[in-house]
Amino acid sequence: MKELTDRTWLRSHEEETGDVRVYRPEDHPLPPARGREGLTFHSDGRFDYRAPGRAGTETGTWHEAGDDVQADIAGQVIHFGVVEVDDDVLRLRWPHP
């Protein structure tokens, strides 16, 4: 999933419907918000998670699991169901069973 890696994705909750979360590249023009969730999937297997309103970033690891992605942050394993990924949008079902 080349489009996924080495970029930071910010959550665009304004575009969400149902159980799919929408993320845009950090340089995408998003409306003002009090904080946005951020995800970075590094090509070397590191994963950064930034929660809105929190100072700092939690770092863990990630890997592809079939058509989906699995991340491990401080022992918590999260499965992301990748619905769509291209240069301009990332849509995830999270957490994915």
PDB file of N, CA and C in Angstrom:
ATOM      1  N   MET A   1       0.828  -1.176   0.000  1.00  0.00           N
ATOM      2  CA  MET A   1       0.000   0.000   0.000  1.00  0.00           C
ATOM      3  C   MET A   1       0.874   1.241   0.000  1.00  0.00           C
ATOM      4  N   LYS A   2       1.516   1.456  -1.105  1.00  0.00           N
ATOM      5  CA  LYS A   2       2.481   2.539  -1.234  1.00  0.00           C
ATOM      6  C   LYS A   2       1.888   3.909  -0.898  1.00  0.00           C
ATOM      7  N   GLU A   3       0.642   4.162  -1.313  1.00  0.00           N
ATOM      8  CA  GLU A   3       0.019   5.462  -1.068  1.00  0.00           C
ATOM      9  C   GLU A   3      -0.113   5.768   0.422  1.00  0.00           C
ATOM     10  N   LEU A   4      -0.121   4.727   1.229  1.00  0.00           N
ATOM     11  CA  LEU A   4      -0.334   4.850   2.672  1.00  0.00           C
ATOM     12  C   LEU A   4       0.897   5.354   3.416  1.00  0.00           C
ATOM     13  N   THR A   5       2.081   4.986   2.943  1.00  0.00           N
ATOM     14  CA  THR A   5       3.297   5.169   3.736  1.00  0.00           C
ATOM     15  C   THR A   5       3.976   6.514   3.562  1.00  0.00           C
ATOM     16  N   ASP A   6       4.755   6.833   4.600  1.00  0.00           N
ATOM     17  CA  ASP A   6       5.624   8.001   4.660  1.00  0.00           C
ATOM     18  C   ASP A   6       4.883   9.312   4.438  1.00  0.00           C
ATOM     19  N   ARG A   7       3.696   9.371   5.015  1.00  0.00           N
ATOM     20  CA  ARG A   7       2.932  10.618   5.031  1.00  0.00           C
ATOM     21  C   ARG A   7       2.043  10.607   6.253  1.00  0.00           C
ATOM     22  N   THR A   8       1.671  11.783   6.685  1.00  0.00           N
ATOM     23  CA  THR A   8       0.776  11.898   7.827  1.00  0.00           C
ATOM     24  C   THR A   8      -0.626  12.173   7.322  1.00  0.00           C
ATOM     25  N   TRP A   9      -1.565  11.416   7.876  1.00  0.00           N
ATOM     26  CA  TRP A   9      -2.977  11.529   7.524  1.00  0.00           C
ATOM     27  C   TRP A   9      -3.726  12.145   8.699  1.00  0.00           C
ATOM     28  N   LEU A  10      -4.543  13.157   8.426  1.00  0.00           N
ATOM     29  CA  LEU A  10      -5.344  13.797   9.462  1.00  0.00           C
ATOM     30  C   LEU A  10      -6.808  13.446   9.273  1.00  0.00           C
ATOM     31  N   ARG A  11      -7.469  13.181  10.377  1.00  0.00           N
ATOM     32  CA  ARG A  11      -8.871  12.770  10.319  1.00  0.00           C
ATOM     33  C   ARG A  11      -9.755  13.934   9.883  1.00  0.00           C
ATOM     34  N   SER A  12     -10.619  13.648   8.921  1.00  0.00           N
ATOM     35  CA  SER A  12     -11.577  14.618   8.398  1.00  0.00           C
ATOM     36  C   SER A  12     -12.975  14.158   8.794  1.00  0.00           C
ATOM     37  N   HIS A  13     -13.312  14.339  10.073  1.00  0.00           N
ATOM     38  CA  HIS A  13     -14.584  13.827  10.597  1.00  0.00           C
ATOM     39  C   HIS A  13     -15.789  14.450   9.896  1.00  0.00           C
ATOM     40  N   GLU A  14     -15.599  15.617   9.273  1.00  0.00           N
ATOM     41  CA  GLU A  14     -16.689  16.284   8.566  1.00  0.00           C
ATOM     42  C   GLU A  14     -17.197  15.457   7.383  1.00  0.00           C
ATOM     43  N   GLU A  15     -16.354  14.596   6.850  1.00  0.00           N
ATOM     44  CA  GLU A  15     -16.709  13.798   5.670  1.00  0.00           C
ATOM     45  C   GLU A  15     -17.212  12.393   6.018  1.00  0.00           C
ATOM     46  N   GLU A  16     -17.250  12.056   7.278  1.00  0.00           N
ATOM     47  CA  GLU A  16     -17.552  10.682   7.669  1.00  0.00           C
ATOM     48  C   GLU A  16     -19.045  10.381   7.669  1.00  0.00           C
ATOM     49  N   THR A  17     -19.326   9.150   7.284  1.00  0.00           N
ATOM     50  CA  THR A  17     -20.673   8.598   7.401  1.00  0.00           C
ATOM     51  C   THR A  17     -20.535   7.147   7.846  1.00  0.00           C
ATOM     52  N   GLY A  18     -21.449   6.677   8.668  1.00  0.00           N
ATOM     53  CA  GLY A  18     -21.395   5.290   9.125  1.00  0.00           C
ATOM     54  C   GLY A  18     -20.149   5.003   9.932  1.00  0.00           C
ATOM     55  N   ASP A  19     -19.583   3.805   9.723  1.00  0.00           N
ATOM     56  CA  ASP A  19     -18.443   3.359  10.525  1.00  0.00           C
ATOM     57  C   ASP A  19     -17.099   3.542   9.825  1.00  0.00           C
ATOM     58  N   VAL A  20     -17.049   4.340   8.773  1.00  0.00           N
ATOM     59  CA  VAL A  20     -15.805   4.556   8.038  1.00  0.00           C
ATOM     60  C   VAL A  20     -15.213   5.908   8.411  1.00  0.00           C
ATOM     61  N   ARG A  21     -13.958   5.895   8.861  1.00  0.00           N
ATOM     62  CA  ARG A  21     -13.248   7.134   9.185  1.00  0.00           C
ATOM     63  C   ARG A  21     -12.536   7.625   7.923  1.00  0.00           C
ATOM     64  N   VAL A  22     -12.543   8.931   7.742  1.00  0.00           N
ATOM     65  CA  VAL A  22     -11.913   9.544   6.565  1.00  0.00           C
ATOM     66  C   VAL A  22     -10.699  10.345   7.019  1.00  0.00           C
ATOM     67  N   TYR A  23      -9.586  10.144   6.321  1.00  0.00           N
ATOM     68  CA  TYR A  23      -8.344  10.861   6.593  1.00  0.00           C
ATOM     69  C   TYR A  23      -7.861  11.502   5.308  1.00  0.00           C
ATOM     70  N   ARG A  24      -7.247  12.660   5.449  1.00  0.00           N
ATOM     71  CA  ARG A  24      -6.676  13.395   4.320  1.00  0.00           C
ATOM     72  C   ARG A  24      -5.201  13.659   4.613  1.00  0.00           C
ATOM     73  N   PRO A  25      -4.378  13.829   3.560  1.00  0.00           N
ATOM     74  CA  PRO A  25      -2.969  14.176   3.793  1.00  0.00           C
ATOM     75  C   PRO A  25      -2.874  15.472   4.593  1.00  0.00           C
ATOM     76  N   GLU A  26      -1.822  15.609   5.397  1.00  0.00           N
ATOM     77  CA  GLU A  26      -1.716  16.765   6.292  1.00  0.00           C
ATOM     78  C   GLU A  26      -1.676  18.095   5.556  1.00  0.00           C
ATOM     79  N   ASP A  27      -1.347  18.102   4.259  1.00  0.00           N
ATOM     80  CA  ASP A  27      -1.334  19.364   3.512  1.00  0.00           C
ATOM     81  C   ASP A  27      -2.677  19.659   2.829  1.00  0.00           C
ATOM     82  N   HIS A  28      -3.664  18.800   3.042  1.00  0.00           N
ATOM     83  CA  HIS A  28      -5.005  19.011   2.479  1.00  0.00           C
ATOM     84  C   HIS A  28      -5.687  20.158   3.232  1.00  0.00           C
ATOM     85  N   PRO A  29      -6.378  21.046   2.516  1.00  0.00           N
ATOM     86  CA  PRO A  29      -7.044  22.159   3.209  1.00  0.00           C
ATOM     87  C   PRO A  29      -8.283  21.684   3.977  1.00  0.00           C
ATOM     88  N   LEU A  30      -8.135  21.503   5.273  1.00  0.00           N
ATOM     89  CA  LEU A  30      -9.237  21.079   6.136  1.00  0.00           C
ATOM     90  C   LEU A  30      -9.788  22.286   6.883  1.00  0.00           C
ATOM     91  N   PRO A  31     -11.077  22.258   7.229  1.00  0.00           N
ATOM     92  CA  PRO A  31     -11.627  23.361   8.016  1.00  0.00           C
ATOM     93  C   PRO A  31     -10.982  23.407   9.405  1.00  0.00           C
ATOM     94  N   PRO A  32     -11.031  24.558  10.054  1.00  0.00           N
ATOM     95  CA  PRO A  32     -10.479  24.660  11.407  1.00  0.00           C
ATOM     96  C   PRO A  32     -11.135  23.643  12.346  1.00  0.00           C
ATOM     97  N   ALA A  33     -10.343  23.128  13.267  1.00  0.00           N
ATOM     98  CA  ALA A  33     -10.827  22.165  14.259  1.00  0.00           C
ATOM     99  C   ALA A  33     -10.028  22.355  15.543  1.00  0.00           C
ATOM    100  N   ARG A  34     -10.561  21.856  16.631  1.00  0.00           N
ATOM    101  CA  ARG A  34      -9.860  21.978  17.923  1.00  0.00           C
ATOM    102  C   ARG A  34      -8.764  20.942  18.088  1.00  0.00           C
ATOM    103  N   GLY A  35      -8.524  20.190  17.093  1.00  0.00           N
ATOM    104  CA  GLY A  35      -7.516  19.138  17.106  1.00  0.00           C
ATOM    105  C   GLY A  35      -7.972  18.018  16.198  1.00  0.00           C
ATOM    106  N   ARG A  36      -7.044  17.381  15.559  1.00  0.00           N
ATOM    107  CA  ARG A  36      -7.377  16.285  14.659  1.00  0.00           C
ATOM    108  C   ARG A  36      -6.500  15.086  14.964  1.00  0.00           C
ATOM    109  N   GLU A  37      -7.114  13.928  14.887  1.00  0.00           N
ATOM    110  CA  GLU A  37      -6.379  12.675  15.014  1.00  0.00           C
ATOM    111  C   GLU A  37      -5.423  12.574  13.827  1.00  0.00           C
ATOM    112  N   GLY A  38      -4.201  12.114  14.087  1.00  0.00           N
ATOM    113  CA  GLY A  38      -3.212  11.966  13.028  1.00  0.00           C
ATOM    114  C   GLY A  38      -2.589  10.581  13.033  1.00  0.00           C
ATOM    115  N   LEU A  39      -2.379  10.031  11.842  1.00  0.00           N
ATOM    116  CA  LEU A  39      -1.760   8.719  11.661  1.00  0.00           C
ATOM    117  C   LEU A  39      -0.601   8.855  10.692  1.00  0.00           C
ATOM    118  N   THR A  40       0.535   8.237  11.026  1.00  0.00           N
ATOM    119  CA  THR A  40       1.665   8.182  10.104  1.00  0.00           C
ATOM    120  C   THR A  40       2.148   6.746  10.021  1.00  0.00           C
ATOM    121  N   PHE A  41       2.114   6.191   8.819  1.00  0.00           N
ATOM    122  CA  PHE A  41       2.588   4.844   8.549  1.00  0.00           C
ATOM    123  C   PHE A  41       3.947   4.970   7.851  1.00  0.00           C
ATOM    124  N   HIS A  42       5.037   4.730   8.577  1.00  0.00           N
ATOM    125  CA  HIS A  42       6.374   4.844   8.010  1.00  0.00           C
ATOM    126  C   HIS A  42       6.717   3.568   7.237  1.00  0.00           C
ATOM    127  N   SER A  43       7.464   3.724   6.149  1.00  0.00           N
ATOM    128  CA  SER A  43       7.812   2.566   5.317  1.00  0.00           C
ATOM    129  C   SER A  43       8.712   1.568   6.039  1.00  0.00           C
ATOM    130  N   ASP A  44       9.382   1.995   7.130  1.00  0.00           N
ATOM    131  CA  ASP A  44      10.243   1.073   7.881  1.00  0.00           C
ATOM    132  C   ASP A  44       9.473   0.300   8.958  1.00  0.00           C
ATOM    133  N   GLY A  45       8.127   0.437   8.973  1.00  0.00           N
ATOM    134  CA  GLY A  45       7.318  -0.322   9.917  1.00  0.00           C
ATOM    135  C   GLY A  45       6.930   0.423  11.183  1.00  0.00           C
ATOM    136  N   ARG A  46       7.424   1.655  11.374  1.00  0.00           N
ATOM    137  CA  ARG A  46       7.000   2.448  12.527  1.00  0.00           C
ATOM    138  C   ARG A  46       5.626   3.037  12.262  1.00  0.00           C
ATOM    139  N   PHE A  47       4.878   3.258  13.326  1.00  0.00           N
ATOM    140  CA  PHE A  47       3.542   3.849  13.244  1.00  0.00           C
ATOM    141  C   PHE A  47       3.423   4.916  14.311  1.00  0.00           C
ATOM    142  N   ASP A  48       2.982   6.106  13.922  1.00  0.00           N
ATOM    143  CA  ASP A  48       2.778   7.205  14.869  1.00  0.00           C
ATOM    144  C   ASP A  48       1.289   7.512  14.948  1.00  0.00           C
ATOM    145  N   TYR A  49       0.797   7.657  16.179  1.00  0.00           N
ATOM    146  CA  TYR A  49      -0.601   8.018  16.413  1.00  0.00           C
ATOM    147  C   TYR A  49      -0.654   9.270  17.263  1.00  0.00           C
ATOM    148  N   ARG A  50      -1.377  10.258  16.769  1.00  0.00           N
ATOM    149  CA  ARG A  50      -1.557  11.501  17.512  1.00  0.00           C
ATOM    150  C   ARG A  50      -3.039  11.688  17.785  1.00  0.00           C
ATOM    151  N   ALA A  51      -3.395  11.728  19.051  1.00  0.00           N
ATOM    152  CA  ALA A  51      -4.793  11.917  19.443  1.00  0.00           C
ATOM    153  C   ALA A  51      -5.086  13.407  19.513  1.00  0.00           C
ATOM    154  N   PRO A  52      -6.296  13.816  19.145  1.00  0.00           N
ATOM    155  CA  PRO A  52      -6.633  15.236  19.246  1.00  0.00           C
ATOM    156  C   PRO A  52      -6.580  15.714  20.689  1.00  0.00           C
ATOM    157  N   GLY A  53      -6.023  16.891  20.892  1.00  0.00           N
ATOM    158  CA  GLY A  53      -5.963  17.466  22.219  1.00  0.00           C
ATOM    159  C   GLY A  53      -4.842  16.953  23.098  1.00  0.00           C
ATOM    160  N   ARG A  54      -4.080  15.975  22.624  1.00  0.00           N
ATOM    161  CA  ARG A  54      -2.974  15.423  23.410  1.00  0.00           C
ATOM    162  C   ARG A  54      -1.655  15.988  22.940  1.00  0.00           C
ATOM    163  N   ALA A  55      -0.799  16.269  23.863  1.00  0.00           N
ATOM    164  CA  ALA A  55       0.549  16.685  23.487  1.00  0.00           C
ATOM    165  C   ALA A  55       1.363  15.430  23.185  1.00  0.00           C
ATOM    166  N   GLY A  56       2.051  15.423  22.100  1.00  0.00           N
ATOM    167  CA  GLY A  56       2.910  14.297  21.779  1.00  0.00           C
ATOM    168  C   GLY A  56       2.237  13.238  20.932  1.00  0.00           C
ATOM    169  N   THR A  57       3.049  12.296  20.542  1.00  0.00           N
ATOM    170  CA  THR A  57       2.641  11.219  19.641  1.00  0.00           C
ATOM    171  C   THR A  57       3.028   9.891  20.249  1.00  0.00           C
ATOM    172  N   GLU A  58       2.156   8.912  20.123  1.00  0.00           N
ATOM    173  CA  GLU A  58       2.483   7.545  20.536  1.00  0.00           C
ATOM    174  C   GLU A  58       3.056   6.818  19.326  1.00  0.00           C
ATOM    175  N   THR A  59       4.129   6.087  19.545  1.00  0.00           N
ATOM    176  CA  THR A  59       4.781   5.376  18.445  1.00  0.00           C
ATOM    177  C   THR A  59       4.709   3.881  18.683  1.00  0.00           C
ATOM    178  N   GLY A  60       4.477   3.170  17.600  1.00  0.00           N
ATOM    179  CA  GLY A  60       4.423   1.714  17.648  1.00  0.00           C
ATOM    180  C   GLY A  60       4.907   1.156  16.324  1.00  0.00           C
ATOM    181  N   THR A  61       4.354   0.034  15.939  1.00  0.00           N
ATOM    182  CA  THR A  61       4.714  -0.603  14.675  1.00  0.00           C
ATOM    183  C   THR A  61       3.446  -0.919  13.895  1.00  0.00           C
ATOM    184  N   TRP A  62       3.605  -1.156  12.602  1.00  0.00           N
ATOM    185  CA  TRP A  62       2.473  -1.542  11.766  1.00  0.00           C
ATOM    186  C   TRP A  62       2.949  -2.506  10.686  1.00  0.00           C
ATOM    187  N   HIS A  63       2.018  -3.261  10.136  1.00  0.00           N
ATOM    188  CA  HIS A  63       2.299  -4.109   8.983  1.00  0.00           C
ATOM    189  C   HIS A  63       0.991  -4.405   8.253  1.00  0.00           C
ATOM    190  N   GLU A  64       1.134  -4.773   6.978  1.00  0.00           N
ATOM    191  CA  GLU A  64      -0.032  -5.153   6.197  1.00  0.00           C
ATOM    192  C   GLU A  64      -0.490  -6.532   6.652  1.00  0.00           C
ATOM    193  N   ALA A  65      -1.785  -6.706   6.711  1.00  0.00           N
ATOM    194  CA  ALA A  65      -2.390  -7.988   7.077  1.00  0.00           C
ATOM    195  C   ALA A  65      -3.430  -8.302   6.004  1.00  0.00           C
ATOM    196  N   GLY A  66      -2.963  -8.875   4.899  1.00  0.00           N
ATOM    197  CA  GLY A  66      -3.853  -9.087   3.752  1.00  0.00           C
ATOM    198  C   GLY A  66      -4.163  -7.748   3.122  1.00  0.00           C
ATOM    199  N   ASP A  67      -5.438  -7.440   2.969  1.00  0.00           N
ATOM    200  CA  ASP A  67      -5.849  -6.142   2.422  1.00  0.00           C
ATOM    201  C   ASP A  67      -6.008  -5.091   3.503  1.00  0.00           C
ATOM    202  N   ASP A  68      -5.754  -5.445   4.746  1.00  0.00           N
ATOM    203  CA  ASP A  68      -5.923  -4.538   5.866  1.00  0.00           C
ATOM    204  C   ASP A  68      -4.572  -4.207   6.488  1.00  0.00           C
ATOM    205  N   VAL A  69      -4.618  -3.443   7.565  1.00  0.00           N
ATOM    206  CA  VAL A  69      -3.410  -3.022   8.266  1.00  0.00           C
ATOM    207  C   VAL A  69      -3.587  -3.323   9.743  1.00  0.00           C
ATOM    208  N   GLN A  70      -2.492  -3.727  10.379  1.00  0.00           N
ATOM    209  CA  GLN A  70      -2.501  -3.988  11.816  1.00  0.00           C
ATOM    210  C   GLN A  70      -1.422  -3.132  12.457  1.00  0.00           C
ATOM    211  N   ALA A  71      -1.777  -2.414  13.517  1.00  0.00           N
ATOM    212  CA  ALA A  71      -0.817  -1.579  14.247  1.00  0.00           C
ATOM    213  C   ALA A  71      -0.736  -2.054  15.690  1.00  0.00           C
ATOM    214  N   ASP A  72       0.434  -1.926  16.275  1.00  0.00           N
ATOM    215  CA  ASP A  72       0.658  -2.267  17.679  1.00  0.00           C
ATOM    216  C   ASP A  72       1.247  -1.040  18.363  1.00  0.00           C
ATOM    217  N   ILE A  73       0.488  -0.489  19.305  1.00  0.00           N
ATOM    218  CA  ILE A  73       0.934   0.677  20.052  1.00  0.00           C
ATOM    219  C   ILE A  73       0.914   0.309  21.530  1.00  0.00           C
ATOM    220  N   ALA A  74       2.091   0.227  22.120  1.00  0.00           N
ATOM    221  CA  ALA A  74       2.229  -0.092  23.548  1.00  0.00           C
ATOM    222  C   ALA A  74       1.456  -1.357  23.917  1.00  0.00           C
ATOM    223  N   GLY A  75       1.529  -2.365  23.055  1.00  0.00           N
ATOM    224  CA  GLY A  75       0.870  -3.629  23.342  1.00  0.00           C
ATOM    225  C   GLY A  75      -0.589  -3.700  22.944  1.00  0.00           C
ATOM    226  N   GLN A  76      -1.167  -2.593  22.522  1.00  0.00           N
ATOM    227  CA  GLN A  76      -2.554  -2.606  22.045  1.00  0.00           C
ATOM    228  C   GLN A  76      -2.535  -2.790  20.534  1.00  0.00           C
ATOM    229  N   VAL A  77      -3.149  -3.880  20.074  1.00  0.00           N
ATOM    230  CA  VAL A  77      -3.184  -4.186  18.648  1.00  0.00           C
ATOM    231  C   VAL A  77      -4.494  -3.671  18.062  1.00  0.00           C
ATOM    232  N   ILE A  78      -4.376  -2.885  16.993  1.00  0.00           N
ATOM    233  CA  ILE A  78      -5.536  -2.300  16.321  1.00  0.00           C
ATOM    234  C   ILE A  78      -5.545  -2.782  14.880  1.00  0.00           C
ATOM    235  N   HIS A  79      -6.695  -3.269  14.428  1.00  0.00           N
ATOM    236  CA  HIS A  79      -6.867  -3.700  13.044  1.00  0.00           C
ATOM    237  C   HIS A  79      -7.637  -2.631  12.290  1.00  0.00           C
ATOM    238  N   PHE A  80      -7.064  -2.148  11.211  1.00  0.00           N
ATOM    239  CA  PHE A  80      -7.705  -1.160  10.361  1.00  0.00           C
ATOM    240  C   PHE A  80      -8.214  -1.864   9.112  1.00  0.00           C
ATOM    241  N   GLY A  81      -9.482  -1.737   8.810  1.00  0.00           N
ATOM    242  CA  GLY A  81     -10.016  -2.237   7.553  1.00  0.00           C
ATOM    243  C   GLY A  81      -9.846  -1.151   6.508  1.00  0.00           C
ATOM    244  N   VAL A  82      -8.968  -1.353   5.542  1.00  0.00           N
ATOM    245  CA  VAL A  82      -8.714  -0.341   4.522  1.00  0.00           C
ATOM    246  C   VAL A  82      -9.833  -0.407   3.488  1.00  0.00           C
ATOM    247  N   VAL A  83     -10.640   0.636   3.444  1.00  0.00           N
ATOM    248  CA  VAL A  83     -11.748   0.727   2.497  1.00  0.00           C
ATOM    249  C   VAL A  83     -11.263   1.345   1.195  1.00  0.00           C
ATOM    250  N   GLU A  84     -10.415   2.389   1.315  1.00  0.00           N
ATOM    251  CA  GLU A  84      -9.886   3.082   0.137  1.00  0.00           C
ATOM    252  C   GLU A  84      -8.615   3.806   0.534  1.00  0.00           C
ATOM    253  N   VAL A  85      -7.639   3.804  -0.359  1.00  0.00           N
ATOM    254  CA  VAL A  85      -6.438   4.609  -0.169  1.00  0.00           C
ATOM    255  C   VAL A  85      -5.930   5.019  -1.536  1.00  0.00           C
ATOM    256  N   ASP A  86      -5.701   6.318  -1.690  1.00  0.00           N
ATOM    257  CA  ASP A  86      -5.032   6.853  -2.869  1.00  0.00           C
ATOM    258  C   ASP A  86      -4.267   8.095  -2.429  1.00  0.00           C
ATOM    259  N   ASP A  87      -3.792   8.888  -3.350  1.00  0.00           N
ATOM    260  CA  ASP A  87      -2.963  10.037  -2.981  1.00  0.00           C
ATOM    261  C   ASP A  87      -3.696  11.084  -2.159  1.00  0.00           C
ATOM    262  N   ASP A  88      -5.030  11.130  -2.244  1.00  0.00           N
ATOM    263  CA  ASP A  88      -5.770  12.218  -1.611  1.00  0.00           C
ATOM    264  C   ASP A  88      -6.689  11.798  -0.466  1.00  0.00           C
ATOM    265  N   VAL A  89      -6.939  10.507  -0.303  1.00  0.00           N
ATOM    266  CA  VAL A  89      -7.874  10.094   0.748  1.00  0.00           C
ATOM    267  C   VAL A  89      -7.511   8.712   1.280  1.00  0.00           C
ATOM    268  N   LEU A  90      -7.749   8.540   2.574  1.00  0.00           N
ATOM    269  CA  LEU A  90      -7.606   7.248   3.242  1.00  0.00           C
ATOM    270  C   LEU A  90      -8.901   7.013   4.005  1.00  0.00           C
ATOM    271  N   ARG A  91      -9.584   5.928   3.699  1.00  0.00           N
ATOM    272  CA  ARG A  91     -10.823   5.574   4.390  1.00  0.00           C
ATOM    273  C   ARG A  91     -10.589   4.256   5.123  1.00  0.00           C
ATOM    274  N   LEU A  92     -10.839   4.287   6.443  1.00  0.00           N
ATOM    275  CA  LEU A  92     -10.587   3.119   7.291  1.00  0.00           C
ATOM    276  C   LEU A  92     -11.821   2.759   8.094  1.00  0.00           C
ATOM    277  N   ARG A  93     -12.044   1.473   8.243  1.00  0.00           N
ATOM    278  CA  ARG A  93     -12.971   0.959   9.228  1.00  0.00           C
ATOM    279  C   ARG A  93     -12.120   0.638  10.441  1.00  0.00           C
ATOM    280  N   TRP A  94     -12.363   1.324  11.570  1.00  0.00           N
ATOM    281  CA  TRP A  94     -11.437   1.201  12.693  1.00  0.00           C
ATOM    282  C   TRP A  94     -12.201   1.253  13.997  1.00  0.00           C
ATOM    283  N   PRO A  95     -12.055   0.350  14.886  1.00  0.00           N
ATOM    284  CA  PRO A  95     -11.263  -0.872  14.713  1.00  0.00           C
ATOM    285  C   PRO A  95     -12.015  -1.883  13.864  1.00  0.00           C
ATOM    286  N   HIS A  96     -11.261  -2.701  13.211  1.00  0.00           N
ATOM    287  CA  HIS A  96     -11.796  -3.716  12.308  1.00  0.00           C
ATOM    288  C   HIS A  96     -11.668  -5.067  13.011  1.00  0.00           C
ATOM    289  N   PRO A  97     -12.754  -5.849  13.078  1.00  0.00           N
ATOM    290  CA  PRO A  97     -12.670  -7.132  13.809  1.00  0.00           C
ATOM    291  C   PRO A  97     -11.670  -8.105  13.211  1.00  0.00           C
TER     292      PRO A  97
END
